PDB file of all heavy atoms in Angstrom:
ATOM      1  N   ASP A   1      -8.112   7.938  45.988  1.00  0.00           N
ATOM      2  CA  ASP A   1      -7.378   7.382  44.838  1.00  0.00           C
ATOM      3  C   ASP A   1      -6.325   8.352  44.291  1.00  0.00           C
ATOM      4  O   ASP A   1      -6.670   9.470  43.986  1.00  0.00           O
ATOM      5  CB  ASP A   1      -8.215   6.893  43.709  1.00  0.00           C
ATOM      6  CG  ASP A   1      -9.035   5.671  44.078  1.00  0.00           C
ATOM      7  OD1 ASP A   1      -8.707   4.955  45.071  1.00  0.00           O
ATOM      8  OD2 ASP A   1     -10.049   5.297  43.267  1.00  0.00           O
ATOM      9  N   GLY A   2      -5.089   7.909  44.079  1.00  0.00           N
ATOM     10  CA  GLY A   2      -3.952   8.865  43.597  1.00  0.00           C
ATOM     11  C   GLY A   2      -3.455   9.660  44.634  1.00  0.00           C
ATOM     12  O   GLY A   2      -2.568  10.562  44.239  1.00  0.00           O
ATOM     13  N   GLY A   3      -3.938   9.757  45.859  1.00  0.00           N
ATOM     14  CA  GLY A   3      -3.487  10.659  46.844  1.00  0.00           C
ATOM     15  C   GLY A   3      -3.992  12.096  46.770  1.00  0.00           C
ATOM     16  O   GLY A   3      -4.911  12.249  46.045  1.00  0.00           O
ATOM     17  N   LEU A   4      -3.271  12.959  47.360  1.00  0.00           N
ATOM     18  CA  LEU A   4      -3.744  14.417  47.463  1.00  0.00           C
ATOM     19  C   LEU A   4      -2.432  15.277  47.150  1.00  0.00           C
ATOM     20  O   LEU A   4      -1.442  15.058  47.653  1.00  0.00           O
ATOM     21  CB  LEU A   4      -4.299  14.854  48.777  1.00  0.00           C
ATOM     22  CG  LEU A   4      -5.625  14.132  49.150  1.00  0.00           C
ATOM     23  CD1 LEU A   4      -6.004  14.500  50.620  1.00  0.00           C
ATOM     24  CD2 LEU A   4      -6.746  14.654  48.148  1.00  0.00           C
ATOM     25  N   PRO A   5      -2.659  16.317  46.275  1.00  0.00           N
ATOM     26  CA  PRO A   5      -1.548  17.202  46.018  1.00  0.00           C
ATOM     27  C   PRO A   5      -1.261  18.188  47.213  1.00  0.00           C
ATOM     28  O   PRO A   5      -2.100  18.496  47.950  1.00  0.00           O
ATOM     29  CB  PRO A   5      -2.051  18.020  44.807  1.00  0.00           C
ATOM     30  CG  PRO A   5      -3.519  17.942  44.880  1.00  0.00           C
ATOM     31  CD  PRO A   5      -3.853  16.686  45.557  1.00  0.00           C
ATOM     32  N   ALA A   6      -0.028  18.732  47.161  1.00  0.00           N
ATOM     33  CA  ALA A   6       0.345  19.812  48.103  1.00  0.00           C
ATOM     34  C   ALA A   6      -0.632  20.976  47.881  1.00  0.00           C
ATOM     35  O   ALA A   6      -1.054  21.280  46.802  1.00  0.00           O
ATOM     36  CB  ALA A   6       1.760  20.214  47.865  1.00  0.00           C
ATOM     37  N   GLY A   7      -0.907  21.646  48.991  1.00  0.00           N
ATOM     38  CA  GLY A   7      -1.898  22.664  48.926  1.00  0.00           C
ATOM     39  C   GLY A   7      -3.402  22.357  49.046  1.00  0.00           C
ATOM     40  O   GLY A   7      -4.164  23.319  49.180  1.00  0.00           O
ATOM     41  N   THR A   8      -3.584  21.048  49.135  1.00  0.00           N
ATOM     42  CA  THR A   8      -5.069  20.760  49.326  1.00  0.00           C
ATOM     43  C   THR A   8      -5.389  21.117  50.800  1.00  0.00           C
ATOM     44  O   THR A   8      -4.686  20.830  51.745  1.00  0.00           O
ATOM     45  CB  THR A   8      -5.148  19.133  49.274  1.00  0.00           C
ATOM     46  OG1 THR A   8      -4.838  18.654  47.923  1.00  0.00           O
ATOM     47  CG2 THR A   8      -6.577  18.681  49.571  1.00  0.00           C
ATOM     48  N   VAL A   9      -6.593  21.658  50.857  1.00  0.00           N
ATOM     49  CA  VAL A   9      -7.081  22.113  52.142  1.00  0.00           C
ATOM     50  C   VAL A   9      -8.123  21.011  52.746  1.00  0.00           C
ATOM     51  O   VAL A   9      -9.056  20.582  52.026  1.00  0.00           O
ATOM     52  CB  VAL A   9      -7.959  23.435  52.075  1.00  0.00           C
ATOM     53  CG1 VAL A   9      -8.525  23.831  53.419  1.00  0.00           C
ATOM     54  CG2 VAL A   9      -7.000  24.581  51.611  1.00  0.00           C
ATOM     55  N   LEU A  10      -7.710  20.403  53.836  1.00  0.00           N
ATOM     56  CA  LEU A  10      -8.470  19.293  54.342  1.00  0.00           C
ATOM     57  C   LEU A  10      -9.662  19.694  55.073  1.00  0.00           C
ATOM     58  O   LEU A  10      -9.855  20.977  55.394  1.00  0.00           O
ATOM     59  CB  LEU A  10      -7.487  18.533  55.279  1.00  0.00           C
ATOM     60  CG  LEU A  10      -6.203  17.945  54.761  1.00  0.00           C
ATOM     61  CD1 LEU A  10      -5.404  17.427  55.905  1.00  0.00           C
ATOM     62  CD2 LEU A  10      -6.557  16.990  53.659  1.00  0.00           C
ATOM     63  N   PRO A  11     -10.706  18.991  55.352  1.00  0.00           N
ATOM     64  CA  PRO A  11     -11.942  19.293  56.006  1.00  0.00           C
ATOM     65  C   PRO A  11     -11.727  20.023  57.368  1.00  0.00           C
ATOM     66  O   PRO A  11     -12.358  20.973  57.840  1.00  0.00           O
ATOM     67  CB  PRO A  11     -12.660  17.968  56.230  1.00  0.00           C
ATOM     68  CG  PRO A  11     -12.252  17.115  55.178  1.00  0.00           C
ATOM     69  CD  PRO A  11     -10.793  17.479  54.966  1.00  0.00           C
ATOM     70  N   SER A  12     -10.514  19.657  58.071  1.00  0.00           N
ATOM     71  CA  SER A  12     -10.276  20.326  59.310  1.00  0.00           C
ATOM     72  C   SER A  12      -9.659  21.662  59.117  1.00  0.00           C
ATOM     73  O   SER A  12      -9.543  22.518  60.108  1.00  0.00           O
ATOM     74  CB  SER A  12      -9.187  19.544  60.113  1.00  0.00           C
ATOM     75  OG  SER A  12      -7.996  19.585  59.399  1.00  0.00           O
ATOM     76  N   GLY A  13      -9.457  22.100  57.853  1.00  0.00           N
ATOM     77  CA  GLY A  13      -8.759  23.549  57.619  1.00  0.00           C
ATOM     78  C   GLY A  13      -7.271  23.419  57.505  1.00  0.00           C
ATOM     79  O   GLY A  13      -6.727  24.373  57.077  1.00  0.00           O
ATOM     80  N   LEU A  14      -6.739  22.227  57.780  1.00  0.00           N
ATOM     81  CA  LEU A  14      -5.331  22.044  57.604  1.00  0.00           C
ATOM     82  C   LEU A  14      -4.900  21.828  56.098  1.00  0.00           C
ATOM     83  O   LEU A  14      -5.646  21.349  55.315  1.00  0.00           O
ATOM     84  CB  LEU A  14      -4.905  20.709  58.331  1.00  0.00           C
ATOM     85  CG  LEU A  14      -3.395  20.434  58.278  1.00  0.00           C
ATOM     86  CD1 LEU A  14      -2.499  21.447  59.073  1.00  0.00           C
ATOM     87  CD2 LEU A  14      -3.159  18.930  58.928  1.00  0.00           C
ATOM     88  N   THR A  15      -3.800  22.589  55.699  1.00  0.00           N
ATOM     89  CA  THR A  15      -3.324  22.509  54.427  1.00  0.00           C
ATOM     90  C   THR A  15      -2.229  21.615  54.178  1.00  0.00           C
ATOM     91  O   THR A  15      -1.269  21.611  54.962  1.00  0.00           O
ATOM     92  CB  THR A  15      -3.005  23.954  53.889  1.00  0.00           C
ATOM     93  OG1 THR A  15      -4.077  24.822  53.953  1.00  0.00           O
ATOM     94  CG2 THR A  15      -2.469  24.000  52.383  1.00  0.00           C
ATOM     95  N   LEU A  16      -2.180  20.853  53.087  1.00  0.00           N
ATOM     96  CA  LEU A  16      -1.145  19.870  52.966  1.00  0.00           C
ATOM     97  C   LEU A  16       0.195  20.586  52.538  1.00  0.00           C
ATOM     98  O   LEU A  16       0.200  21.399  51.699  1.00  0.00           O
ATOM     99  CB  LEU A  16      -1.415  18.820  51.988  1.00  0.00           C
ATOM    100  CG  LEU A  16      -2.556  17.752  52.291  1.00  0.00           C
ATOM    101  CD1 LEU A  16      -2.615  16.701  51.193  1.00  0.00           C
ATOM    102  CD2 LEU A  16      -2.229  17.098  53.494  1.00  0.00           C
ATOM    103  N   VAL A  17       1.341  20.292  53.266  1.00  0.00           N
ATOM    104  CA  VAL A  17       2.568  20.877  52.870  1.00  0.00           C
ATOM    105  C   VAL A  17       3.145  20.184  51.669  1.00  0.00           C
ATOM    106  O   VAL A  17       3.785  20.734  50.889  1.00  0.00           O
ATOM    107  CB  VAL A  17       3.509  20.725  54.177  1.00  0.00           C
ATOM    108  CG1 VAL A  17       4.894  21.253  53.679  1.00  0.00           C
ATOM    109  CG2 VAL A  17       2.974  21.605  55.225  1.00  0.00           C
ATOM    110  N   ASP A  18       2.884  18.822  51.639  1.00  0.00           N
ATOM    111  CA  ASP A  18       3.554  17.985  50.522  1.00  0.00           C
ATOM    112  C   ASP A  18       2.388  17.201  49.807  1.00  0.00           C
ATOM    113  O   ASP A  18       1.276  17.154  50.300  1.00  0.00           O
ATOM    114  CB  ASP A  18       4.399  16.887  51.251  1.00  0.00           C
ATOM    115  CG  ASP A  18       5.388  17.404  52.209  1.00  0.00           C
ATOM    116  OD1 ASP A  18       6.298  18.194  51.690  1.00  0.00           O
ATOM    117  OD2 ASP A  18       5.514  16.943  53.382  1.00  0.00           O
ATOM    118  N   LYS A  19       2.810  16.721  48.674  1.00  0.00           N
ATOM    119  CA  LYS A  19       1.855  15.735  47.915  1.00  0.00           C
ATOM    120  C   LYS A  19       1.958  14.436  48.838  1.00  0.00           C
ATOM    121  O   LYS A  19       3.112  13.918  49.174  1.00  0.00           O
ATOM    122  CB  LYS A  19       2.412  15.520  46.512  1.00  0.00           C
ATOM    123  CG  LYS A  19       1.625  14.472  45.797  1.00  0.00           C
ATOM    124  CD  LYS A  19       2.129  14.113  44.351  1.00  0.00           C
ATOM    125  CE  LYS A  19       1.324  13.151  43.789  1.00  0.00           C
ATOM    126  NZ  LYS A  19       1.737  12.885  42.318  1.00  0.00           N
ATOM    127  N   VAL A  20       0.884  13.913  49.108  1.00  0.00           N
ATOM    128  CA  VAL A  20       0.775  12.642  49.849  1.00  0.00           C
ATOM    129  C   VAL A  20       0.079  11.574  49.166  1.00  0.00           C
ATOM    130  O   VAL A  20      -1.110  11.650  48.689  1.00  0.00           O
ATOM    131  CB  VAL A  20      -0.029  12.915  51.257  1.00  0.00           C
ATOM    132  CG1 VAL A  20       0.003  11.654  52.090  1.00  0.00           C
ATOM    133  CG2 VAL A  20       0.633  14.048  52.005  1.00  0.00           C
ATOM    134  N   PRO A  21       0.832  10.501  48.888  1.00  0.00           N
ATOM    135  CA  PRO A  21       0.205   9.344  48.107  1.00  0.00           C
ATOM    136  C   PRO A  21      -0.936   8.676  48.939  1.00  0.00           C
ATOM    137  O   PRO A  21      -0.971   8.776  50.158  1.00  0.00           O
ATOM    138  CB  PRO A  21       1.383   8.407  47.961  1.00  0.00           C
ATOM    139  CG  PRO A  21       2.626   9.055  48.206  1.00  0.00           C
ATOM    140  CD  PRO A  21       2.217  10.189  49.226  1.00  0.00           C
ATOM    141  N   GLN A  22      -1.775   7.913  48.191  1.00  0.00           N
ATOM    142  CA  GLN A  22      -2.926   7.207  48.839  1.00  0.00           C
ATOM    143  C   GLN A  22      -2.316   6.186  49.831  1.00  0.00           C
ATOM    144  O   GLN A  22      -1.320   5.569  49.591  1.00  0.00           O
ATOM    145  CB  GLN A  22      -3.666   6.430  47.740  1.00  0.00           C
ATOM    146  CG  GLN A  22      -4.911   5.759  48.400  1.00  0.00           C
ATOM    147  CD  GLN A  22      -5.629   4.943  47.391  1.00  0.00           C
ATOM    148  OE1 GLN A  22      -5.069   4.207  46.553  1.00  0.00           O
ATOM    149  NE2 GLN A  22      -6.983   4.790  47.485  1.00  0.00           N
ATOM    150  N   GLY A  23      -2.985   6.217  51.010  1.00  0.00           N
ATOM    151  CA  GLY A  23      -2.486   5.211  52.080  1.00  0.00           C
ATOM    152  C   GLY A  23      -1.412   5.683  52.965  1.00  0.00           C
ATOM    153  O   GLY A  23      -1.110   5.178  53.976  1.00  0.00           O
ATOM    154  N   HIS A  24      -0.879   6.820  52.578  1.00  0.00           N
ATOM    155  CA  HIS A  24       0.303   7.386  53.415  1.00  0.00           C
ATOM    156  C   HIS A  24      -0.177   8.322  54.452  1.00  0.00           C
ATOM    157  O   HIS A  24      -1.333   8.897  54.377  1.00  0.00           O
ATOM    158  CB  HIS A  24       1.261   8.107  52.414  1.00  0.00           C
ATOM    159  CG  HIS A  24       2.092   6.991  51.735  1.00  0.00           C
ATOM    160  ND1 HIS A  24       3.450   6.818  51.950  1.00  0.00           N
ATOM    161  CD2 HIS A  24       1.750   6.065  50.778  1.00  0.00           C
ATOM    162  CE1 HIS A  24       3.908   5.927  51.212  1.00  0.00           C
ATOM    163  NE2 HIS A  24       2.944   5.348  50.373  1.00  0.00           N
ATOM    164  N   LYS A  25       0.653   8.707  55.431  1.00  0.00           N
ATOM    165  CA  LYS A  25       0.196   9.446  56.577  1.00  0.00           C
ATOM    166  C   LYS A  25       0.539  10.877  56.449  1.00  0.00           C
ATOM    167  O   LYS A  25       1.431  11.370  55.864  1.00  0.00           O
ATOM    168  CB  LYS A  25       1.071   8.823  57.776  1.00  0.00           C
ATOM    169  CG  LYS A  25       0.697   7.408  58.158  1.00  0.00           C
ATOM    170  CD  LYS A  25       1.472   6.854  59.290  1.00  0.00           C
ATOM    171  CE  LYS A  25       2.947   6.549  58.775  1.00  0.00           C
ATOM    172  NZ  LYS A  25       3.048   5.548  57.736  1.00  0.00           N
ATOM    173  N   VAL A  26      -0.364  11.587  57.111  1.00  0.00           N
ATOM    174  CA  VAL A  26      -0.398  13.138  57.139  1.00  0.00           C
ATOM    175  C   VAL A  26      -0.230  13.458  58.640  1.00  0.00           C
ATOM    176  O   VAL A  26      -0.929  12.945  59.526  1.00  0.00           O
ATOM    177  CB  VAL A  26      -1.562  13.782  56.569  1.00  0.00           C
ATOM    178  CG1 VAL A  26      -1.465  15.267  56.754  1.00  0.00           C
ATOM    179  CG2 VAL A  26      -1.785  13.394  55.061  1.00  0.00           C
ATOM    180  N   ALA A  27       0.791  14.310  58.905  1.00  0.00           N
ATOM    181  CA  ALA A  27       0.932  14.891  60.348  1.00  0.00           C
ATOM    182  C   ALA A  27      -0.350  15.724  60.612  1.00  0.00           C
ATOM    183  O   ALA A  27      -0.565  16.742  59.829  1.00  0.00           O
ATOM    184  CB  ALA A  27       2.221  15.571  60.513  1.00  0.00           C
ATOM    185  N   LEU A  28      -1.050  15.481  61.610  1.00  0.00           N
ATOM    186  CA  LEU A  28      -2.172  16.335  61.924  1.00  0.00           C
ATOM    187  C   LEU A  28      -1.796  17.581  62.827  1.00  0.00           C
ATOM    188  O   LEU A  28      -2.515  18.421  62.998  1.00  0.00           O
ATOM    189  CB  LEU A  28      -3.176  15.472  62.708  1.00  0.00           C
ATOM    190  CG  LEU A  28      -3.800  14.235  61.924  1.00  0.00           C
ATOM    191  CD1 LEU A  28      -4.791  13.473  62.720  1.00  0.00           C
ATOM    192  CD2 LEU A  28      -4.437  14.733  60.595  1.00  0.00           C
ATOM    193  N   VAL A  29      -0.614  17.269  63.474  1.00  0.00           N
ATOM    194  CA  VAL A  29      -0.096  18.436  64.350  1.00  0.00           C
ATOM    195  C   VAL A  29       1.391  18.697  64.076  1.00  0.00           C
ATOM    196  O   VAL A  29       1.996  17.672  63.479  1.00  0.00           O
ATOM    197  CB  VAL A  29      -0.327  18.051  65.911  1.00  0.00           C
ATOM    198  CG1 VAL A  29      -1.877  18.041  66.248  1.00  0.00           C
ATOM    199  CG2 VAL A  29       0.320  16.827  66.232  1.00  0.00           C
ATOM    200  N   ASP A  30       1.867  19.771  64.568  1.00  0.00           N
ATOM    201  CA  ASP A  30       3.302  19.880  64.474  1.00  0.00           C
ATOM    202  C   ASP A  30       4.037  18.788  65.460  1.00  0.00           C
ATOM    203  O   ASP A  30       3.711  18.704  66.547  1.00  0.00           O
ATOM    204  CB  ASP A  30       3.751  21.241  64.928  1.00  0.00           C
ATOM    205  CG  ASP A  30       3.319  22.335  64.004  1.00  0.00           C
ATOM    206  OD1 ASP A  30       3.293  22.066  62.794  1.00  0.00           O
ATOM    207  OD2 ASP A  30       3.045  23.505  64.372  1.00  0.00           O
ATOM    208  N   LEU A  31       5.106  18.128  64.905  1.00  0.00           N
ATOM    209  CA  LEU A  31       5.751  17.058  65.613  1.00  0.00           C
ATOM    210  C   LEU A  31       7.192  17.595  65.655  1.00  0.00           C
ATOM    211  O   LEU A  31       7.856  17.899  64.780  1.00  0.00           O
ATOM    212  CB  LEU A  31       5.721  15.819  64.883  1.00  0.00           C
ATOM    213  CG  LEU A  31       4.268  15.201  64.693  1.00  0.00           C
ATOM    214  CD1 LEU A  31       4.344  13.985  63.748  1.00  0.00           C
ATOM    215  CD2 LEU A  31       3.845  14.656  66.092  1.00  0.00           C
ATOM    216  N   LYS A  32       7.708  17.524  66.912  1.00  0.00           N
ATOM    217  CA  LYS A  32       9.149  17.941  67.178  1.00  0.00           C
ATOM    218  C   LYS A  32       9.959  16.656  67.126  1.00  0.00           C
ATOM    219  O   LYS A  32       9.439  15.566  67.235  1.00  0.00           O
ATOM    220  CB  LYS A  32       9.293  18.561  68.574  1.00  0.00           C
ATOM    221  CG  LYS A  32       8.543  19.757  68.741  1.00  0.00           C
ATOM    222  CD  LYS A  32       9.158  20.955  67.814  1.00  0.00           C
ATOM    223  CE  LYS A  32       8.441  22.283  68.194  1.00  0.00           C
ATOM    224  NZ  LYS A  32       8.962  23.336  67.208  1.00  0.00           N
ATOM    225  N   ALA A  33      11.293  16.877  66.715  1.00  0.00           N
ATOM    226  CA  ALA A  33      12.200  15.696  66.653  1.00  0.00           C
ATOM    227  C   ALA A  33      12.135  15.031  67.953  1.00  0.00           C
ATOM    228  O   ALA A  33      12.240  15.601  69.037  1.00  0.00           O
ATOM    229  CB  ALA A  33      13.630  16.105  66.408  1.00  0.00           C
ATOM    230  N   GLY A  34      11.971  13.683  67.942  1.00  0.00           N
ATOM    231  CA  GLY A  34      11.742  12.772  69.177  1.00  0.00           C
ATOM    232  C   GLY A  34      10.505  12.614  69.635  1.00  0.00           C
ATOM    233  O   GLY A  34      10.149  11.710  70.531  1.00  0.00           O
ATOM    234  N   ASP A  35       9.386  13.270  69.105  1.00  0.00           N
ATOM    235  CA  ASP A  35       7.925  13.179  69.407  1.00  0.00           C
ATOM    236  C   ASP A  35       7.517  11.730  69.005  1.00  0.00           C
ATOM    237  O   ASP A  35       7.935  11.208  67.859  1.00  0.00           O
ATOM    238  CB  ASP A  35       7.110  14.274  68.878  1.00  0.00           C
ATOM    239  CG  ASP A  35       7.268  15.430  69.645  1.00  0.00           C
ATOM    240  OD1 ASP A  35       7.965  15.564  70.634  1.00  0.00           O
ATOM    241  OD2 ASP A  35       6.573  16.476  69.196  1.00  0.00           O
ATOM    242  N   GLU A  36       6.742  11.191  69.860  1.00  0.00           N
ATOM    243  CA  GLU A  36       5.963   9.845  69.320  1.00  0.00           C
ATOM    244  C   GLU A  36       5.063  10.206  68.190  1.00  0.00           C
ATOM    245  O   GLU A  36       4.273  11.199  68.197  1.00  0.00           O
ATOM    246  CB  GLU A  36       5.186   9.297  70.508  1.00  0.00           C
ATOM    247  CG  GLU A  36       5.902   8.697  71.686  1.00  0.00           C
ATOM    248  CD  GLU A  36       4.994   8.073  72.625  1.00  0.00           C
ATOM    249  OE1 GLU A  36       3.807   8.323  72.655  1.00  0.00           O
ATOM    250  OE2 GLU A  36       5.481   7.177  73.416  1.00  0.00           O
ATOM    251  N   VAL A  37       5.173   9.297  67.251  1.00  0.00           N
ATOM    252  CA  VAL A  37       4.074   9.286  66.052  1.00  0.00           C
ATOM    253  C   VAL A  37       3.148   8.199  66.379  1.00  0.00           C
ATOM    254  O   VAL A  37       3.651   7.111  66.535  1.00  0.00           O
ATOM    255  CB  VAL A  37       4.768   9.233  64.744  1.00  0.00           C
ATOM    256  CG1 VAL A  37       3.788   9.045  63.602  1.00  0.00           C
ATOM    257  CG2 VAL A  37       5.825  10.234  64.423  1.00  0.00           C
ATOM    258  N   ARG A  38       1.845   8.590  66.598  1.00  0.00           N
ATOM    259  CA  ARG A  38       0.965   7.605  67.043  1.00  0.00           C
ATOM    260  C   ARG A  38      -0.196   7.271  65.969  1.00  0.00           C
ATOM    261  O   ARG A  38      -0.706   8.158  65.337  1.00  0.00           O
ATOM    262  CB  ARG A  38       0.128   8.058  68.289  1.00  0.00           C
ATOM    263  CG  ARG A  38       1.152   8.394  69.477  1.00  0.00           C
ATOM    264  CD  ARG A  38       0.272   8.703  70.662  1.00  0.00           C
ATOM    265  NE  ARG A  38      -0.342   7.445  71.351  1.00  0.00           N
ATOM    266  CZ  ARG A  38       0.280   6.669  72.129  1.00  0.00           C
ATOM    267  NH1 ARG A  38       1.546   6.850  72.425  1.00  0.00           N
ATOM    268  NH2 ARG A  38      -0.450   5.708  72.608  1.00  0.00           N
ATOM    269  N   ARG A  39      -0.293   5.987  65.728  1.00  0.00           N
ATOM    270  CA  ARG A  39      -1.443   5.484  64.850  1.00  0.00           C
ATOM    271  C   ARG A  39      -1.994   4.296  65.606  1.00  0.00           C
ATOM    272  O   ARG A  39      -1.306   3.500  66.127  1.00  0.00           O
ATOM    273  CB  ARG A  39      -0.943   5.119  63.495  1.00  0.00           C
ATOM    274  CG  ARG A  39      -2.132   4.734  62.509  1.00  0.00           C
ATOM    275  CD  ARG A  39      -1.676   4.775  61.075  1.00  0.00           C
ATOM    276  NE  ARG A  39      -2.803   4.346  60.205  1.00  0.00           N
ATOM    277  CZ  ARG A  39      -2.878   3.292  59.467  1.00  0.00           C
ATOM    278  NH1 ARG A  39      -1.835   2.452  59.387  1.00  0.00           N
ATOM    279  NH2 ARG A  39      -3.939   3.049  58.792  1.00  0.00           N
ATOM    280  N   TYR A  40      -3.317   3.963  65.550  1.00  0.00           N
ATOM    281  CA  TYR A  40      -3.911   2.916  66.429  1.00  0.00           C
ATOM    282  C   TYR A  40      -3.838   3.209  67.833  1.00  0.00           C
ATOM    283  O   TYR A  40      -3.852   2.295  68.684  1.00  0.00           O
ATOM    284  CB  TYR A  40      -3.458   1.534  66.110  1.00  0.00           C
ATOM    285  CG  TYR A  40      -3.650   1.142  64.634  1.00  0.00           C
ATOM    286  CD1 TYR A  40      -2.514   1.192  63.633  1.00  0.00           C
ATOM    287  CD2 TYR A  40      -4.734   0.534  64.172  1.00  0.00           C
ATOM    288  CE1 TYR A  40      -2.654   0.712  62.355  1.00  0.00           C
ATOM    289  CE2 TYR A  40      -4.944   0.042  62.850  1.00  0.00           C
ATOM    290  CZ  TYR A  40      -3.908   0.166  62.013  1.00  0.00           C
ATOM    291  OH  TYR A  40      -4.129  -0.172  60.671  1.00  0.00           O
TER     292      TYR A  40
END
């Protein structure tokens, strides 16, 4: 609820670069321009 602030350390050890609202997507890996973004 309310999303997560920048700097939050996720269970995987990844740290959020941005504040991310609830329901919105977080990049789990570095994505280069043109890379596929996959969900489902």
